[in-house]
């Protein structure tokens, strides 16, 4: 299992600022820009959690 960078919303749902922090952390960690982002959504379609592999992810 590859190492992952994972962010979860402080108040259950991710905010725009939290998503921006995730992207900034991924870039600082050297995550390839073409890596997919996986998200867990709530039943109302809000983002609860996002994650991406730290290395190249082709799956």
PDB file of N, CA and C in Angstrom:
ATOM      1  N   UNK A   1       0.850  -1.184   0.000  1.00  0.00           N
ATOM      2  CA  UNK A   1       0.000   0.000   0.000  1.00  0.00           C
ATOM      3  C   UNK A   1       0.894   1.246   0.000  1.00  0.00           C
ATOM      4  N   UNK A   2       0.693   2.133  -0.954  1.00  0.00           N
ATOM      5  CA  UNK A   2       1.539   3.328  -1.012  1.00  0.00           C
ATOM      6  C   UNK A   2       1.231   4.291   0.129  1.00  0.00           C
ATOM      7  N   UNK A   3       2.229   5.093   0.472  1.00  0.00           N
ATOM      8  CA  UNK A   3       2.022   6.125   1.484  1.00  0.00           C
ATOM      9  C   UNK A   3       1.022   7.144   0.948  1.00  0.00           C
ATOM     10  N   UNK A   4       0.138   7.605   1.826  1.00  0.00           N
ATOM     11  CA  UNK A   4      -0.938   8.508   1.422  1.00  0.00           C
ATOM     12  C   UNK A   4      -0.877   9.805   2.218  1.00  0.00           C
ATOM     13  N   UNK A   5      -1.354  10.867   1.601  1.00  0.00           N
ATOM     14  CA  UNK A   5      -1.589  12.143   2.267  1.00  0.00           C
ATOM     15  C   UNK A   5      -3.097  12.257   2.388  1.00  0.00           C
ATOM     16  N   UNK A   6      -3.604  12.410   3.618  1.00  0.00           N
ATOM     17  CA  UNK A   6      -5.045  12.398   3.842  1.00  0.00           C
ATOM     18  C   UNK A   6      -5.456  13.595   4.693  1.00  0.00           C
ATOM     19  N   UNK A   7      -6.509  14.281   4.287  1.00  0.00           N
ATOM     20  CA  UNK A   7      -7.064  15.398   5.050  1.00  0.00           C
ATOM     21  C   UNK A   7      -8.545  15.129   5.307  1.00  0.00           C
ATOM     22  N   UNK A   8      -8.989  15.493   6.497  1.00  0.00           N
ATOM     23  CA  UNK A   8     -10.386  15.368   6.884  1.00  0.00           C
ATOM     24  C   UNK A   8     -10.870  16.722   7.374  1.00  0.00           C
ATOM     25  N   UNK A   9     -12.124  17.045   7.093  1.00  0.00           N
ATOM     26  CA  UNK A   9     -12.690  18.307   7.560  1.00  0.00           C
ATOM     27  C   UNK A   9     -12.754  18.371   9.074  1.00  0.00           C
ATOM     28  N   UNK A  10     -12.364  19.502   9.643  1.00  0.00           N
ATOM     29  CA  UNK A  10     -12.377  19.672  11.096  1.00  0.00           C
ATOM     30  C   UNK A  10     -13.788  19.530  11.653  1.00  0.00           C
ATOM     31  N   UNK A  11     -14.765  20.072  10.947  1.00  0.00           N
ATOM     32  CA  UNK A  11     -16.164  19.999  11.378  1.00  0.00           C
ATOM     33  C   UNK A  11     -16.955  19.052  10.494  1.00  0.00           C
ATOM     34  N   UNK A  12     -16.398  17.879  10.208  1.00  0.00           N
ATOM     35  CA  UNK A  12     -17.019  16.835   9.401  1.00  0.00           C
ATOM     36  C   UNK A  12     -16.866  17.069   7.907  1.00  0.00           C
ATOM     37  N   UNK A  13     -17.244  18.231   7.394  1.00  0.00           N
ATOM     38  CA  UNK A  13     -17.145  18.518   5.964  1.00  0.00           C
ATOM     39  C   UNK A  13     -15.950  19.433   5.705  1.00  0.00           C
ATOM     40  N   UNK A  14     -15.219  19.141   4.632  1.00  0.00           N
ATOM     41  CA  UNK A  14     -14.047  19.929   4.257  1.00  0.00           C
ATOM     42  C   UNK A  14     -14.473  21.312   3.779  1.00  0.00           C
ATOM     43  N   UNK A  15     -13.743  22.320   4.200  1.00  0.00           N
ATOM     44  CA  UNK A  15     -13.991  23.685   3.718  1.00  0.00           C
ATOM     45  C   UNK A  15     -13.044  23.988   2.561  1.00  0.00           C
ATOM     46  N   UNK A  16     -13.290  25.062   1.874  1.00  0.00           N
ATOM     47  CA  UNK A  16     -12.415  25.480   0.777  1.00  0.00           C
ATOM     48  C   UNK A  16     -10.995  25.739   1.292  1.00  0.00           C
ATOM     49  N   UNK A  17     -10.877  26.366   2.459  1.00  0.00           N
ATOM     50  CA  UNK A  17      -9.547  26.612   3.036  1.00  0.00           C
ATOM     51  C   UNK A  17      -8.840  25.299   3.367  1.00  0.00           C
ATOM     52  N   UNK A  18      -9.576  24.305   3.874  1.00  0.00           N
ATOM     53  CA  UNK A  18      -8.968  23.010   4.188  1.00  0.00           C
ATOM     54  C   UNK A  18      -8.540  22.285   2.912  1.00  0.00           C
ATOM     55  N   UNK A  19      -9.332  22.403   1.855  1.00  0.00           N
ATOM     56  CA  UNK A  19      -8.963  21.804   0.583  1.00  0.00           C
ATOM     57  C   UNK A  19      -7.697  22.471   0.028  1.00  0.00           C
ATOM     58  N   UNK A  20      -7.616  23.787   0.152  1.00  0.00           N
ATOM     59  CA  UNK A  20      -6.428  24.516  -0.293  1.00  0.00           C
ATOM     60  C   UNK A  20      -5.198  24.075   0.508  1.00  0.00           C
ATOM     61  N   UNK A  21      -5.356  23.833   1.804  1.00  0.00           N
ATOM     62  CA  UNK A  21      -4.247  23.367   2.643  1.00  0.00           C
ATOM     63  C   UNK A  21      -3.802  21.968   2.207  1.00  0.00           C
ATOM     64  N   UNK A  22      -4.756  21.126   1.833  1.00  0.00           N
ATOM     65  CA  UNK A  22      -4.440  19.788   1.327  1.00  0.00           C
ATOM     66  C   UNK A  22      -3.589  19.894   0.061  1.00  0.00           C
ATOM     67  N   UNK A  23      -3.993  20.742  -0.858  1.00  0.00           N
ATOM     68  CA  UNK A  23      -3.266  20.911  -2.119  1.00  0.00           C
ATOM     69  C   UNK A  23      -1.860  21.455  -1.849  1.00  0.00           C
ATOM     70  N   UNK A  24      -1.758  22.433  -0.971  1.00  0.00           N
ATOM     71  CA  UNK A  24      -0.446  23.001  -0.626  1.00  0.00           C
ATOM     72  C   UNK A  24       0.458  21.938   0.002  1.00  0.00           C
ATOM     73  N   UNK A  25      -0.088  21.136   0.917  1.00  0.00           N
ATOM     74  CA  UNK A  25       0.702  20.080   1.559  1.00  0.00           C
ATOM     75  C   UNK A  25       1.136  19.030   0.537  1.00  0.00           C
ATOM     76  N   UNK A  26       0.260  18.688  -0.404  1.00  0.00           N
ATOM     77  CA  UNK A  26       0.599  17.710  -1.436  1.00  0.00           C
ATOM     78  C   UNK A  26       1.735  18.228  -2.314  1.00  0.00           C
ATOM     79  N   UNK A  27       1.668  19.485  -2.692  1.00  0.00           N
ATOM     80  CA  UNK A  27       2.730  20.069  -3.524  1.00  0.00           C
ATOM     81  C   UNK A  27       4.054  20.106  -2.767  1.00  0.00           C
ATOM     82  N   UNK A  28       4.017  20.483  -1.493  1.00  0.00           N
ATOM     83  CA  UNK A  28       5.243  20.520  -0.687  1.00  0.00           C
ATOM     84  C   UNK A  28       5.835  19.135  -0.502  1.00  0.00           C
ATOM     85  N   UNK A  29       4.972  18.103  -0.466  1.00  0.00           N
ATOM     86  CA  UNK A  29       5.432  16.725  -0.288  1.00  0.00           C
ATOM     87  C   UNK A  29       5.930  16.123  -1.593  1.00  0.00           C
ATOM     88  N   UNK A  30       5.792  16.864  -2.701  1.00  0.00           N
ATOM     89  CA  UNK A  30       6.282  16.377  -3.980  1.00  0.00           C
ATOM     90  C   UNK A  30       5.354  15.406  -4.684  1.00  0.00           C
ATOM     91  N   UNK A  31       4.080  15.425  -4.336  1.00  0.00           N
ATOM     92  CA  UNK A  31       3.106  14.558  -5.000  1.00  0.00           C
ATOM     93  C   UNK A  31       3.032  14.953  -6.480  1.00  0.00           C
ATOM     94  N   UNK A  32       3.132  13.982  -7.390  1.00  0.00           N
ATOM     95  CA  UNK A  32       3.037  14.310  -8.825  1.00  0.00           C
ATOM     96  C   UNK A  32       1.705  15.003  -9.134  1.00  0.00           C
ATOM     97  N   UNK A  33       1.757  16.044  -9.941  1.00  0.00           N
ATOM     98  CA  UNK A  33       0.570  16.835 -10.246  1.00  0.00           C
ATOM     99  C   UNK A  33      -0.509  16.085 -10.990  1.00  0.00           C
ATOM    100  N   UNK A  34      -0.160  14.956 -11.619  1.00  0.00           N
ATOM    101  CA  UNK A  34      -1.177  14.186 -12.339  1.00  0.00           C
ATOM    102  C   UNK A  34      -1.735  13.023 -11.525  1.00  0.00           C
ATOM    103  N   UNK A  35      -1.379  12.943 -10.233  1.00  0.00           N
ATOM    104  CA  UNK A  35      -1.959  11.909  -9.367  1.00  0.00           C
ATOM    105  C   UNK A  35      -3.441  12.177  -9.139  1.00  0.00           C
ATOM    106  N   UNK A  36      -4.258  11.131  -9.131  1.00  0.00           N
ATOM    107  CA  UNK A  36      -5.677  11.324  -8.829  1.00  0.00           C
ATOM    108  C   UNK A  36      -5.891  11.637  -7.350  1.00  0.00           C
ATOM    109  N   UNK A  37      -6.958  12.325  -7.065  1.00  0.00           N
ATOM    110  CA  UNK A  37      -7.380  12.604  -5.693  1.00  0.00           C
ATOM    111  C   UNK A  37      -8.618  11.761  -5.435  1.00  0.00           C
ATOM    112  N   UNK A  38      -8.609  11.044  -4.347  1.00  0.00           N
ATOM    113  CA  UNK A  38      -9.780  10.251  -3.960  1.00  0.00           C
ATOM    114  C   UNK A  38     -10.509  11.003  -2.858  1.00  0.00           C
ATOM    115  N   UNK A  39     -11.833  10.964  -2.897  1.00  0.00           N
ATOM    116  CA  UNK A  39     -12.630  11.698  -1.911  1.00  0.00           C
ATOM    117  C   UNK A  39     -13.738  10.816  -1.353  1.00  0.00           C
ATOM    118  N   UNK A  40     -14.022  11.012  -0.085  1.00  0.00           N
ATOM    119  CA  UNK A  40     -15.180  10.390   0.553  1.00  0.00           C
ATOM    120  C   UNK A  40     -16.223  11.486   0.704  1.00  0.00           C
ATOM    121  N   UNK A  41     -17.420  11.231   0.208  1.00  0.00           N
ATOM    122  CA  UNK A  41     -18.488  12.228   0.249  1.00  0.00           C
ATOM    123  C   UNK A  41     -19.546  11.864   1.277  1.00  0.00           C
ATOM    124  N   UNK A  42     -20.217  12.875   1.812  1.00  0.00           N
ATOM    125  CA  UNK A  42     -21.349  12.649   2.700  1.00  0.00           C
ATOM    126  C   UNK A  42     -22.574  12.314   1.858  1.00  0.00           C
ATOM    127  N   UNK A  43     -23.649  11.945   2.495  1.00  0.00           N
ATOM    128  CA  UNK A  43     -24.879  11.628   1.761  1.00  0.00           C
ATOM    129  C   UNK A  43     -25.443  12.857   1.051  1.00  0.00           C
ATOM    130  N   UNK A  44     -25.030  14.053   1.482  1.00  0.00           N
ATOM    131  CA  UNK A  44     -25.484  15.285   0.831  1.00  0.00           C
ATOM    132  C   UNK A  44     -24.508  15.759  -0.243  1.00  0.00           C
ATOM    133  N   UNK A  45     -23.446  14.958  -0.500  1.00  0.00           N
ATOM    134  CA  UNK A  45     -22.494  15.279  -1.550  1.00  0.00           C
ATOM    135  C   UNK A  45     -21.340  16.168  -1.122  1.00  0.00           C
ATOM    136  N   UNK A  46     -21.259  16.517   0.158  1.00  0.00           N
ATOM    137  CA  UNK A  46     -20.137  17.336   0.643  1.00  0.00           C
ATOM    138  C   UNK A  46     -18.908  16.453   0.839  1.00  0.00           C
ATOM    139  N   UNK A  47     -17.736  17.051   0.660  1.00  0.00           N
ATOM    140  CA  UNK A  47     -16.484  16.309   0.820  1.00  0.00           C
ATOM    141  C   UNK A  47     -16.182  16.147   2.311  1.00  0.00           C
ATOM    142  N   UNK A  48     -16.013  14.893   2.740  1.00  0.00           N
ATOM    143  CA  UNK A  48     -15.660  14.607   4.129  1.00  0.00           C
ATOM    144  C   UNK A  48     -14.156  14.403   4.280  1.00  0.00           C
ATOM    145  N   UNK A  49     -13.534  13.798   3.252  1.00  0.00           N
ATOM    146  CA  UNK A  49     -12.122  13.444   3.339  1.00  0.00           C
ATOM    147  C   UNK A  49     -11.541  13.363   1.935  1.00  0.00           C
ATOM    148  N   UNK A  50     -10.293  13.780   1.787  1.00  0.00           N
ATOM    149  CA  UNK A  50      -9.565  13.627   0.525  1.00  0.00           C
ATOM    150  C   UNK A  50      -8.224  12.983   0.806  1.00  0.00           C
ATOM    151  N   UNK A  51      -7.735  12.239  -0.180  1.00  0.00           N
ATOM    152  CA  UNK A  51      -6.424  11.616  -0.036  1.00  0.00           C
ATOM    153  C   UNK A  51      -5.798  11.436  -1.414  1.00  0.00           C
ATOM    154  N   UNK A  52      -4.481  11.349  -1.411  1.00  0.00           N
ATOM    155  CA  UNK A  52      -3.727  11.076  -2.625  1.00  0.00           C
ATOM    156  C   UNK A  52      -2.459  10.330  -2.237  1.00  0.00           C
ATOM    157  N   UNK A  53      -1.963   9.515  -3.149  1.00  0.00           N
ATOM    158  CA  UNK A  53      -0.718   8.795  -2.918  1.00  0.00           C
ATOM    159  C   UNK A  53       0.446   9.786  -2.987  1.00  0.00           C
ATOM    160  N   UNK A  54       1.460   9.553  -2.188  1.00  0.00           N
ATOM    161  CA  UNK A  54       2.633  10.427  -2.198  1.00  0.00           C
ATOM    162  C   UNK A  54       3.524  10.154  -3.407  1.00  0.00           C
ATOM    163  N   UNK A  55       3.491   8.929  -3.926  1.00  0.00           N
ATOM    164  CA  UNK A  55       4.264   8.584  -5.112  1.00  0.00           C
ATOM    165  C   UNK A  55       3.346   8.518  -6.317  1.00  0.00           C
ATOM    166  N   UNK A  56       3.909   8.231  -7.468  1.00  0.00           N
ATOM    167  CA  UNK A  56       3.113   8.103  -8.692  1.00  0.00           C
ATOM    168  C   UNK A  56       2.025   7.056  -8.500  1.00  0.00           C
ATOM    169  N   UNK A  57       0.801   7.404  -8.849  1.00  0.00           N
ATOM    170  CA  UNK A  57      -0.362   6.530  -8.672  1.00  0.00           C
ATOM    171  C   UNK A  57      -0.998   6.307 -10.029  1.00  0.00           C
ATOM    172  N   UNK A  58      -0.878   5.104 -10.552  1.00  0.00           N
ATOM    173  CA  UNK A  58      -1.431   4.802 -11.879  1.00  0.00           C
ATOM    174  C   UNK A  58      -2.576   3.802 -11.806  1.00  0.00           C
ATOM    175  N   UNK A  59      -3.105   3.518 -10.609  1.00  0.00           N
ATOM    176  CA  UNK A  59      -4.211   2.553 -10.484  1.00  0.00           C
ATOM    177  C   UNK A  59      -5.542   3.216 -10.651  1.00  0.00           C
TER     178      UNK A  59
END
